[in-house]
Amino acid sequence: MPFLWCGQFDKVKVMYQSLEKCSFQFEHCWHLLNDQPKWIWHATKEDPKRRKTMSPSPTPTRCSGATVDSVFDLEADHVMENEVIEPDRPIGRKAEKGKRKAQGQHAEENFQLRKMKYTLLEESRAQEKEFFRLKVEKMAYDKETEARKLCQEDERLRLEAEKVELAKKESDQRIMMMDVSVMPELQREFFQQLQREVMARRSRFDDLD
């Protein structure tokens, strides 16, 4: 009988006698255990799992000492089997769980940041590689363009030189075809001098060839 006042204990004994059809035989035990911390804790703790409802016993109306002892032992065994006290949850378990969760989130964030950094680095390297490739292509194109321009310029100069040379030949040919015998003396001397120059230039070209 856990933690009852004397007046309450008397009422409980009457109720027990009414239900069990015999008097309560363990009053001396109650007096010994009533003030023990374990029984006080059992009396004050509200636990619907361990709450028991006493039902009328279908046993005979007569209660001997042996019968009461047997009932008490069965009740004690029943209480020990069913009243398994589950340990309370440690105080720091929830905080530890939250800490582990926060650490997991932090680790995931660090992983994502490293992944993003690696991706950006790879993109930067790819862009740098593409930049140098385009730069090399541009240098090659500029070099080719410059060479083509030089070739075109050389061709233009060659054509100009041929044109000048052709014009010079035509002029020399006209000079050489003139009949100086019918010209006045001064004019005759001028064109004769030109004809001598043409012949001297032709002689130099023939020597080079």
C-alpha atoms as a PDB file:
ATOM      1  CA  MET A   1       0.000   0.000   0.000  1.00  0.00           C
ATOM      2  CA  PRO A   2       1.922   3.080  -1.109  1.00  0.00           C
ATOM      3  CA  PHE A   3       2.074   6.331   0.803  1.00  0.00           C
ATOM      4  CA  LEU A   4      -1.335   6.701   2.522  1.00  0.00           C
ATOM      5  CA  TRP A   5      -2.406   8.699   5.527  1.00  0.00           C
ATOM      6  CA  CYS A   6      -3.709   6.708   8.483  1.00  0.00           C
ATOM      7  CA  GLY A   7      -7.342   7.682   7.815  1.00  0.00           C
ATOM      8  CA  GLN A   8      -6.975   6.757   4.168  1.00  0.00           C
ATOM      9  CA  PHE A   9      -5.329   3.465   5.098  1.00  0.00           C
ATOM     10  CA  ASP A  10      -8.302   2.490   7.262  1.00  0.00           C
ATOM     11  CA  LYS A  11     -10.668   3.148   4.346  1.00  0.00           C
ATOM     12  CA  VAL A  12      -8.450   1.085   2.059  1.00  0.00           C
ATOM     13  CA  LYS A  13      -8.517  -1.858   4.484  1.00  0.00           C
ATOM     14  CA  VAL A  14     -12.312  -1.750   4.538  1.00  0.00           C
ATOM     15  CA  MET A  15     -12.385  -1.651   0.728  1.00  0.00           C
ATOM     16  CA  TYR A  16      -9.928  -4.537   0.533  1.00  0.00           C
ATOM     17  CA  GLN A  17     -12.047  -6.631   2.907  1.00  0.00           C
ATOM     18  CA  SER A  18     -15.145  -5.845   0.869  1.00  0.00           C
ATOM     19  CA  LEU A  19     -13.469  -6.900  -2.383  1.00  0.00           C
ATOM     20  CA  GLU A  20     -11.412  -9.872  -1.223  1.00  0.00           C
ATOM     21  CA  LYS A  21     -13.834 -11.144   1.473  1.00  0.00           C
ATOM     22  CA  CYS A  22     -10.991 -11.258   4.014  1.00  0.00           C
ATOM     23  CA  SER A  23      -8.977  -8.805   6.053  1.00  0.00           C
ATOM     24  CA  PHE A  24      -5.626  -7.304   4.921  1.00  0.00           C
ATOM     25  CA  GLN A  25      -2.844  -9.429   6.487  1.00  0.00           C
ATOM     26  CA  PHE A  26       0.207  -7.248   5.721  1.00  0.00           C
ATOM     27  CA  GLU A  27      -0.358  -4.108   7.723  1.00  0.00           C
ATOM     28  CA  HIS A  28       3.046  -4.515   9.383  1.00  0.00           C
ATOM     29  CA  CYS A  29       4.671  -4.474   5.917  1.00  0.00           C
ATOM     30  CA  TRP A  30       2.854  -1.319   5.050  1.00  0.00           C
ATOM     31  CA  HIS A  31       4.135   0.401   8.200  1.00  0.00           C
ATOM     32  CA  LEU A  32       7.704  -0.586   7.277  1.00  0.00           C
ATOM     33  CA  LEU A  33       7.580   0.464   3.601  1.00  0.00           C
ATOM     34  CA  ASN A  34       5.222   3.437   3.728  1.00  0.00           C
ATOM     35  CA  ASP A  35       7.981   6.053   4.188  1.00  0.00           C
ATOM     36  CA  GLN A  36      10.540   4.466   1.820  1.00  0.00           C
ATOM     37  CA  PRO A  37      11.541   6.728  -1.134  1.00  0.00           C
ATOM     38  CA  LYS A  38      10.853   3.971  -3.695  1.00  0.00           C
ATOM     39  CA  TRP A  39       7.229   3.530  -2.593  1.00  0.00           C
ATOM     40  CA  ILE A  40       6.707   7.299  -2.281  1.00  0.00           C
ATOM     41  CA  TRP A  41       7.979   7.649  -5.873  1.00  0.00           C
ATOM     42  CA  HIS A  42       5.584   4.875  -7.014  1.00  0.00           C
ATOM     43  CA  ALA A  43       2.689   6.573  -5.220  1.00  0.00           C
ATOM     44  CA  THR A  44       3.311  10.052  -6.648  1.00  0.00           C
ATOM     45  CA  LYS A  45       4.267   9.112 -10.234  1.00  0.00           C
ATOM     46  CA  GLU A  46       1.419   9.138 -12.741  1.00  0.00           C
ATOM     47  CA  ASP A  47       1.976   6.328 -15.224  1.00  0.00           C
ATOM     48  CA  PRO A  48      -1.083   4.940 -17.027  1.00  0.00           C
ATOM     49  CA  LYS A  49       0.931   1.848 -18.059  1.00  0.00           C
ATOM     50  CA  ARG A  50       1.299   0.745 -14.439  1.00  0.00           C
ATOM     51  CA  ARG A  51      -2.102   1.798 -13.149  1.00  0.00           C
ATOM     52  CA  LYS A  52      -4.052  -1.278 -12.045  1.00  0.00           C
ATOM     53  CA  THR A  53      -7.708  -1.792 -11.346  1.00  0.00           C
ATOM     54  CA  MET A  54      -8.515  -4.218  -8.613  1.00  0.00           C
ATOM     55  CA  SER A  55     -11.278  -6.639  -9.532  1.00  0.00           C
ATOM     56  CA  PRO A  56     -13.296  -8.949  -7.221  1.00  0.00           C
ATOM     57  CA  SER A  57     -11.516 -12.194  -6.756  1.00  0.00           C
ATOM     58  CA  PRO A  58     -13.363 -15.313  -7.906  1.00  0.00           C
ATOM     59  CA  THR A  59     -11.638 -17.266  -5.116  1.00  0.00           C
ATOM     60  CA  PRO A  60     -13.617 -18.784  -2.173  1.00  0.00           C
ATOM     61  CA  THR A  61     -15.004 -16.506   0.524  1.00  0.00           C
ATOM     62  CA  ARG A  62     -12.500 -17.796   3.098  1.00  0.00           C
ATOM     63  CA  CYS A  63      -8.956 -16.442   3.225  1.00  0.00           C
ATOM     64  CA  SER A  64      -6.269 -18.382   5.060  1.00  0.00           C
ATOM     65  CA  GLY A  65      -2.754 -17.086   5.769  1.00  0.00           C
ATOM     66  CA  ALA A  66      -1.281 -19.284   3.032  1.00  0.00           C
ATOM     67  CA  THR A  67      -3.833 -18.006   0.521  1.00  0.00           C
ATOM     68  CA  VAL A  68      -3.061 -14.374   1.386  1.00  0.00           C
ATOM     69  CA  ASP A  69       0.652 -15.064   1.080  1.00  0.00           C
ATOM     70  CA  SER A  70       0.130 -16.656  -2.323  1.00  0.00           C
ATOM     71  CA  VAL A  71      -1.967 -13.713  -3.489  1.00  0.00           C
ATOM     72  CA  PHE A  72       0.645 -11.272  -2.258  1.00  0.00           C
ATOM     73  CA  ASP A  73       3.446 -13.198  -4.013  1.00  0.00           C
ATOM     74  CA  LEU A  74       1.488 -13.352  -7.291  1.00  0.00           C
ATOM     75  CA  GLU A  75       0.715  -9.654  -7.088  1.00  0.00           C
ATOM     76  CA  ALA A  76       4.365  -8.885  -6.392  1.00  0.00           C
ATOM     77  CA  ASP A  77       5.503 -11.031  -9.318  1.00  0.00           C
ATOM     78  CA  HIS A  78       2.899  -9.400 -11.566  1.00  0.00           C
ATOM     79  CA  VAL A  79       4.076  -5.951 -10.545  1.00  0.00           C
ATOM     80  CA  MET A  80       7.757  -6.822 -11.137  1.00  0.00           C
ATOM     81  CA  GLU A  81       6.970  -8.294 -14.583  1.00  0.00           C
ATOM     82  CA  ASN A  82       4.825  -5.404 -15.761  1.00  0.00           C
ATOM     83  CA  GLU A  83       6.301  -2.447 -13.959  1.00  0.00           C
ATOM     84  CA  VAL A  84       9.416  -2.165 -16.066  1.00  0.00           C
ATOM     85  CA  ILE A  85      10.669   1.345 -15.616  1.00  0.00           C
ATOM     86  CA  GLU A  86      11.879   2.748 -18.871  1.00  0.00           C
ATOM     87  CA  PRO A  87      14.850   5.017 -18.346  1.00  0.00           C
ATOM     88  CA  ASP A  88      14.154   8.674 -19.024  1.00  0.00           C
ATOM     89  CA  ARG A  89      15.675  10.102 -22.161  1.00  0.00           C
ATOM     90  CA  PRO A  90      19.102  11.622 -21.437  1.00  0.00           C
ATOM     91  CA  ILE A  91      18.972  15.357 -21.130  1.00  0.00           C
ATOM     92  CA  GLY A  92      21.520  16.040 -23.926  1.00  0.00           C
ATOM     93  CA  ARG A  93      20.240  13.533 -26.497  1.00  0.00           C
ATOM     94  CA  LYS A  94      18.013  16.007 -28.326  1.00  0.00           C
ATOM     95  CA  ALA A  95      20.756  18.618 -28.288  1.00  0.00           C
ATOM     96  CA  GLU A  96      23.254  16.015 -29.522  1.00  0.00           C
ATOM     97  CA  LYS A  97      20.872  15.011 -32.318  1.00  0.00           C
ATOM     98  CA  GLY A  98      20.477  18.650 -33.308  1.00  0.00           C
ATOM     99  CA  LYS A  99      24.247  19.076 -33.183  1.00  0.00           C
ATOM    100  CA  ARG A 100      24.798  16.060 -35.443  1.00  0.00           C
ATOM    101  CA  LYS A 101      22.160  17.350 -37.840  1.00  0.00           C
ATOM    102  CA  ALA A 102      23.817  20.772 -37.918  1.00  0.00           C
ATOM    103  CA  GLN A 103      27.200  19.137 -38.508  1.00  0.00           C
ATOM    104  CA  GLY A 104      25.722  17.092 -41.342  1.00  0.00           C
ATOM    105  CA  GLN A 105      24.227  20.215 -42.916  1.00  0.00           C
ATOM    106  CA  HIS A 106      27.539  22.033 -42.487  1.00  0.00           C
ATOM    107  CA  ALA A 107      29.415  19.161 -44.135  1.00  0.00           C
ATOM    108  CA  GLU A 108      26.910  19.105 -47.019  1.00  0.00           C
ATOM    109  CA  GLU A 109      27.273  22.875 -47.469  1.00  0.00           C
ATOM    110  CA  ASN A 110      31.068  22.542 -47.508  1.00  0.00           C
ATOM    111  CA  PHE A 111      30.802  19.749 -50.086  1.00  0.00           C
ATOM    112  CA  GLN A 112      28.516  21.845 -52.296  1.00  0.00           C
ATOM    113  CA  LEU A 113      30.861  24.852 -51.984  1.00  0.00           C
ATOM    114  CA  ARG A 114      33.878  22.746 -52.932  1.00  0.00           C
ATOM    115  CA  LYS A 115      31.941  21.270 -55.842  1.00  0.00           C
ATOM    116  CA  MET A 116      30.905  24.744 -57.027  1.00  0.00           C
ATOM    117  CA  LYS A 117      34.485  26.002 -56.647  1.00  0.00           C
ATOM    118  CA  TYR A 118      35.795  23.048 -58.684  1.00  0.00           C
ATOM    119  CA  THR A 119      33.144  23.629 -61.366  1.00  0.00           C
ATOM    120  CA  LEU A 120      33.992  27.350 -61.605  1.00  0.00           C
ATOM    121  CA  LEU A 121      37.708  26.521 -61.761  1.00  0.00           C
ATOM    122  CA  GLU A 122      37.130  24.033 -64.576  1.00  0.00           C
ATOM    123  CA  GLU A 123      34.991  26.580 -66.453  1.00  0.00           C
ATOM    124  CA  SER A 124      37.691  29.235 -65.970  1.00  0.00           C
ATOM    125  CA  ARG A 125      40.361  26.858 -67.291  1.00  0.00           C
ATOM    126  CA  ALA A 126      38.198  25.956 -70.276  1.00  0.00           C
ATOM    127  CA  GLN A 127      37.580  29.652 -71.031  1.00  0.00           C
ATOM    128  CA  GLU A 128      41.282  30.437 -70.701  1.00  0.00           C
ATOM    129  CA  LYS A 129      42.147  27.549 -73.028  1.00  0.00           C
ATOM    130  CA  GLU A 130      39.565  28.751 -75.566  1.00  0.00           C
ATOM    131  CA  PHE A 131      40.934  32.304 -75.301  1.00  0.00           C
ATOM    132  CA  PHE A 132      44.476  31.171 -76.114  1.00  0.00           C
ATOM    133  CA  ARG A 133      43.208  29.001 -78.965  1.00  0.00           C
ATOM    134  CA  LEU A 134      41.378  31.954 -80.500  1.00  0.00           C
ATOM    135  CA  LYS A 135      44.426  34.151 -79.949  1.00  0.00           C
ATOM    136  CA  VAL A 136      46.678  31.681 -81.795  1.00  0.00           C
ATOM    137  CA  GLU A 137      44.146  31.412 -84.612  1.00  0.00           C
ATOM    138  CA  LYS A 138      43.984  35.198 -84.868  1.00  0.00           C
ATOM    139  CA  MET A 139      47.767  35.466 -84.960  1.00  0.00           C
ATOM    140  CA  ALA A 140      47.919  32.846 -87.720  1.00  0.00           C
ATOM    141  CA  TYR A 141      45.126  34.628 -89.636  1.00  0.00           C
ATOM    142  CA  ASP A 142      46.847  37.992 -89.258  1.00  0.00           C
ATOM    143  CA  LYS A 143      50.122  36.482 -90.435  1.00  0.00           C
ATOM    144  CA  GLU A 144      48.430  34.861 -93.407  1.00  0.00           C
ATOM    145  CA  THR A 145      46.588  38.074 -94.196  1.00  0.00           C
ATOM    146  CA  GLU A 146      49.815  40.074 -93.993  1.00  0.00           C
ATOM    147  CA  ALA A 147      51.587  37.587 -96.233  1.00  0.00           C
ATOM    148  CA  ARG A 148      48.715  37.756 -98.704  1.00  0.00           C
ATOM    149  CA  LYS A 149      48.870  41.545 -98.667  1.00  0.00           C
ATOM    150  CA  LEU A 150      52.610  41.439 -99.284  1.00  0.00           C
ATOM    151  CA  CYS A 151      52.094  39.059-102.181  1.00  0.00           C
ATOM    152  CA  GLN A 152      49.430  41.300-103.609  1.00  0.00           C
ATOM    153  CA  GLU A 153      51.685  44.327-103.205  1.00  0.00           C
ATOM    154  CA  ASP A 154      54.565  42.521-104.873  1.00  0.00           C
ATOM    155  CA  GLU A 155      52.298  41.537-107.741  1.00  0.00           C
ATOM    156  CA  ARG A 156      51.105  45.119-108.093  1.00  0.00           C
ATOM    157  CA  LEU A 157      54.653  46.445-108.156  1.00  0.00           C
ATOM    158  CA  ARG A 158      55.631  43.801-110.695  1.00  0.00           C
ATOM    159  CA  LEU A 159      52.748  44.744-112.922  1.00  0.00           C
ATOM    160  CA  GLU A 160      53.601  48.397-112.570  1.00  0.00           C
ATOM    161  CA  ALA A 161      57.197  47.683-113.458  1.00  0.00           C
ATOM    162  CA  GLU A 162      56.135  45.686-116.493  1.00  0.00           C
ATOM    163  CA  LYS A 163      53.819  48.479-117.498  1.00  0.00           C
ATOM    164  CA  VAL A 164      56.606  51.040-117.198  1.00  0.00           C
ATOM    165  CA  GLU A 165      58.973  48.775-119.048  1.00  0.00           C
ATOM    166  CA  LEU A 166      56.446  48.281-121.830  1.00  0.00           C
ATOM    167  CA  ALA A 167      55.879  52.001-122.099  1.00  0.00           C
ATOM    168  CA  LYS A 168      59.636  52.578-122.194  1.00  0.00           C
ATOM    169  CA  LYS A 169      60.066  50.034-124.957  1.00  0.00           C
ATOM    170  CA  GLU A 170      57.315  51.662-126.990  1.00  0.00           C
ATOM    171  CA  SER A 171      58.958  55.038-126.512  1.00  0.00           C
ATOM    172  CA  ASP A 172      62.361  53.671-127.532  1.00  0.00           C
ATOM    173  CA  GLN A 173      60.786  52.008-130.505  1.00  0.00           C
ATOM    174  CA  ARG A 174      59.260  55.299-131.679  1.00  0.00           C
ATOM    175  CA  ILE A 175      62.575  57.055-131.206  1.00  0.00           C
ATOM    176  CA  MET A 176      64.419  54.428-133.190  1.00  0.00           C
ATOM    177  CA  MET A 177      61.830  54.521-135.996  1.00  0.00           C
ATOM    178  CA  MET A 178      62.225  58.281-136.626  1.00  0.00           C
ATOM    179  CA  ASP A 179      63.832  59.435-139.843  1.00  0.00           C
ATOM    180  CA  VAL A 180      66.242  62.119-138.702  1.00  0.00           C
ATOM    181  CA  SER A 181      67.553  62.825-142.241  1.00  0.00           C
ATOM    182  CA  VAL A 182      64.620  65.059-143.063  1.00  0.00           C
ATOM    183  CA  MET A 183      64.792  66.964-139.776  1.00  0.00           C
ATOM    184  CA  PRO A 184      66.494  70.302-139.205  1.00  0.00           C
ATOM    185  CA  GLU A 185      70.054  70.003-137.960  1.00  0.00           C
ATOM    186  CA  LEU A 186      69.312  70.873-134.310  1.00  0.00           C
ATOM    187  CA  GLN A 187      66.313  68.526-134.141  1.00  0.00           C
ATOM    188  CA  ARG A 188      68.303  65.860-135.953  1.00  0.00           C
ATOM    189  CA  GLU A 189      71.110  66.077-133.422  1.00  0.00           C
ATOM    190  CA  PHE A 190      68.585  65.787-130.499  1.00  0.00           C
ATOM    191  CA  PHE A 191      66.916  62.627-131.783  1.00  0.00           C
ATOM    192  CA  GLN A 192      70.221  61.105-132.855  1.00  0.00           C
ATOM    193  CA  GLN A 193      71.408  61.531-129.257  1.00  0.00           C
ATOM    194  CA  LEU A 194      68.225  59.792-128.027  1.00  0.00           C
ATOM    195  CA  GLN A 195      68.780  56.954-130.464  1.00  0.00           C
ATOM    196  CA  ARG A 196      72.352  56.494-129.203  1.00  0.00           C
ATOM    197  CA  GLU A 197      71.064  56.327-125.593  1.00  0.00           C
ATOM    198  CA  VAL A 198      68.489  53.710-126.552  1.00  0.00           C
ATOM    199  CA  MET A 199      71.130  51.617-128.246  1.00  0.00           C
ATOM    200  CA  ALA A 200      73.469  51.904-125.239  1.00  0.00           C
ATOM    201  CA  ARG A 201      70.699  50.846-122.836  1.00  0.00           C
ATOM    202  CA  ARG A 202      69.826  47.885-125.029  1.00  0.00           C
ATOM    203  CA  SER A 203      73.457  46.866-125.114  1.00  0.00           C
ATOM    204  CA  ARG A 204      73.627  46.852-121.290  1.00  0.00           C
ATOM    205  CA  PHE A 205      70.503  44.695-121.085  1.00  0.00           C
ATOM    206  CA  ASP A 206      71.980  42.278-123.613  1.00  0.00           C
ATOM    207  CA  ASP A 207      75.197  42.026-121.556  1.00  0.00           C
ATOM    208  CA  LEU A 208      73.154  41.229-118.387  1.00  0.00           C
ATOM    209  CA  ASP A 209      71.270  38.510-120.155  1.00  0.00           C
END
